[in-house]
Amino acid sequence: MKLLEQRSVSLAVSRARLQRGWTQEECGIRADISRSHLAMIAANLTTICKLAYAFEIQPHQLVQLMEEVQAEQA
């Protein structure tokens, strides 16, 4: 499996933001994160991808597992 690169993640977030006509600041407000935190998202998603590939699953499967665990704890 090809690893998701940080640049691809950053570009995808930027594309989604721009498609909605949002500034970085507005995106941060809507996501309840600081503008500077947006820059760290790519590194965090890349780490999730690396972990998923180590488990030999797709990244969305690991995220789904995270959601399941969160629901169990609620």
C-alpha atoms as a PDB file:
ATOM      1  CA  MET A   1       0.000   0.000   0.000  1.00  0.00           C
ATOM      2  CA  LYS A   2       1.214   3.456  -0.807  1.00  0.00           C
ATOM      3  CA  LEU A   3       1.545   5.746   2.197  1.00  0.00           C
ATOM      4  CA  LEU A   4      -0.500   8.894   2.216  1.00  0.00           C
ATOM      5  CA  GLU A   5       1.940  11.774   2.090  1.00  0.00           C
ATOM      6  CA  GLN A   6       1.614  14.838   4.312  1.00  0.00           C
ATOM      7  CA  ARG A   7       1.460  17.099   1.284  1.00  0.00           C
ATOM      8  CA  SER A   8      -1.497  15.171  -0.135  1.00  0.00           C
ATOM      9  CA  VAL A   9      -3.357  15.500   3.152  1.00  0.00           C
ATOM     10  CA  SER A  10      -2.653  19.227   3.317  1.00  0.00           C
ATOM     11  CA  LEU A  11      -3.802  19.718  -0.254  1.00  0.00           C
ATOM     12  CA  ALA A  12      -6.991  17.717   0.349  1.00  0.00           C
ATOM     13  CA  VAL A  13      -7.853  19.819   3.407  1.00  0.00           C
ATOM     14  CA  SER A  14      -7.123  22.994   1.465  1.00  0.00           C
ATOM     15  CA  ARG A  15      -9.227  21.831  -1.467  1.00  0.00           C
ATOM     16  CA  ALA A  16     -12.201  20.978   0.781  1.00  0.00           C
ATOM     17  CA  ARG A  17     -11.846  24.342   2.525  1.00  0.00           C
ATOM     18  CA  LEU A  18     -11.632  26.321  -0.699  1.00  0.00           C
ATOM     19  CA  GLN A  19     -14.565  24.464  -2.270  1.00  0.00           C
ATOM     20  CA  ARG A  20     -16.638  25.829   0.588  1.00  0.00           C
ATOM     21  CA  GLY A  21     -15.171  29.308   0.203  1.00  0.00           C
ATOM     22  CA  TRP A  22     -13.705  29.256   3.707  1.00  0.00           C
ATOM     23  CA  THR A  23     -10.590  31.019   4.876  1.00  0.00           C
ATOM     24  CA  GLN A  24      -8.156  29.110   7.088  1.00  0.00           C
ATOM     25  CA  GLU A  25      -9.481  31.089  10.022  1.00  0.00           C
ATOM     26  CA  GLU A  26     -13.102  30.222   9.246  1.00  0.00           C
ATOM     27  CA  CYS A  27     -12.192  26.561   8.811  1.00  0.00           C
ATOM     28  CA  GLY A  28     -10.487  26.608  12.198  1.00  0.00           C
ATOM     29  CA  ILE A  29     -13.500  28.235  13.825  1.00  0.00           C
ATOM     30  CA  ARG A  30     -15.896  25.710  12.288  1.00  0.00           C
ATOM     31  CA  ALA A  31     -13.654  22.799  13.321  1.00  0.00           C
ATOM     32  CA  ASP A  32     -13.029  24.332  16.756  1.00  0.00           C
ATOM     33  CA  ILE A  33      -9.257  24.291  16.262  1.00  0.00           C
ATOM     34  CA  SER A  34      -6.724  27.073  15.954  1.00  0.00           C
ATOM     35  CA  ARG A  35      -5.423  28.109  12.576  1.00  0.00           C
ATOM     36  CA  SER A  36      -1.953  26.960  13.586  1.00  0.00           C
ATOM     37  CA  HIS A  37      -3.364  23.553  14.500  1.00  0.00           C
ATOM     38  CA  LEU A  38      -4.515  23.109  10.899  1.00  0.00           C
ATOM     39  CA  ALA A  39      -0.851  22.782   9.914  1.00  0.00           C
ATOM     40  CA  MET A  40      -0.398  19.828  12.261  1.00  0.00           C
ATOM     41  CA  ILE A  41      -3.301  17.879  10.754  1.00  0.00           C
ATOM     42  CA  ALA A  42      -1.219  16.496   7.896  1.00  0.00           C
ATOM     43  CA  ALA A  43       1.344  15.032  10.280  1.00  0.00           C
ATOM     44  CA  ASN A  44      -1.370  13.478  12.441  1.00  0.00           C
ATOM     45  CA  LEU A  45      -3.174  11.937   9.469  1.00  0.00           C
ATOM     46  CA  THR A  46       0.071  10.602   8.100  1.00  0.00           C
ATOM     47  CA  THR A  47       0.681   8.920  11.458  1.00  0.00           C
ATOM     48  CA  ILE A  48      -2.793   7.371  11.369  1.00  0.00           C
ATOM     49  CA  CYS A  49      -2.052   6.085   7.875  1.00  0.00           C
ATOM     50  CA  LYS A  50       1.265   4.596   8.973  1.00  0.00           C
ATOM     51  CA  LEU A  51      -0.450   2.828  11.869  1.00  0.00           C
ATOM     52  CA  ALA A  52      -3.219   1.527   9.623  1.00  0.00           C
ATOM     53  CA  TYR A  53      -0.744   0.162   7.119  1.00  0.00           C
ATOM     54  CA  ALA A  54       1.202  -1.498   9.959  1.00  0.00           C
ATOM     55  CA  PHE A  55      -2.057  -3.235  10.958  1.00  0.00           C
ATOM     56  CA  GLU A  56      -2.570  -4.075   7.266  1.00  0.00           C
ATOM     57  CA  ILE A  57      -5.869  -2.220   7.114  1.00  0.00           C
ATOM     58  CA  GLN A  58      -7.018   0.894   5.269  1.00  0.00           C
ATOM     59  CA  PRO A  59      -6.852   4.224   7.116  1.00  0.00           C
ATOM     60  CA  HIS A  60     -10.639   4.606   7.022  1.00  0.00           C
ATOM     61  CA  GLN A  61     -10.933   1.258   8.816  1.00  0.00           C
ATOM     62  CA  LEU A  62      -8.743   2.505  11.654  1.00  0.00           C
ATOM     63  CA  VAL A  63     -10.796   5.697  11.882  1.00  0.00           C
ATOM     64  CA  GLN A  64     -13.967   3.598  11.934  1.00  0.00           C
ATOM     65  CA  LEU A  65     -12.506   1.534  14.772  1.00  0.00           C
ATOM     66  CA  MET A  66     -11.743   4.753  16.663  1.00  0.00           C
ATOM     67  CA  GLU A  67     -15.378   5.831  16.221  1.00  0.00           C
ATOM     68  CA  GLU A  68     -16.597   2.444  17.466  1.00  0.00           C
ATOM     69  CA  VAL A  69     -14.420   2.653  20.565  1.00  0.00           C
ATOM     70  CA  GLN A  70     -15.628   6.189  21.249  1.00  0.00           C
ATOM     71  CA  ALA A  71     -19.259   5.061  20.931  1.00  0.00           C
ATOM     72  CA  GLU A  72     -18.636   2.209  23.358  1.00  0.00           C
ATOM     73  CA  GLN A  73     -17.259   4.658  25.911  1.00  0.00           C
ATOM     74  CA  ALA A  74     -20.208   7.036  25.641  1.00  0.00           C
END
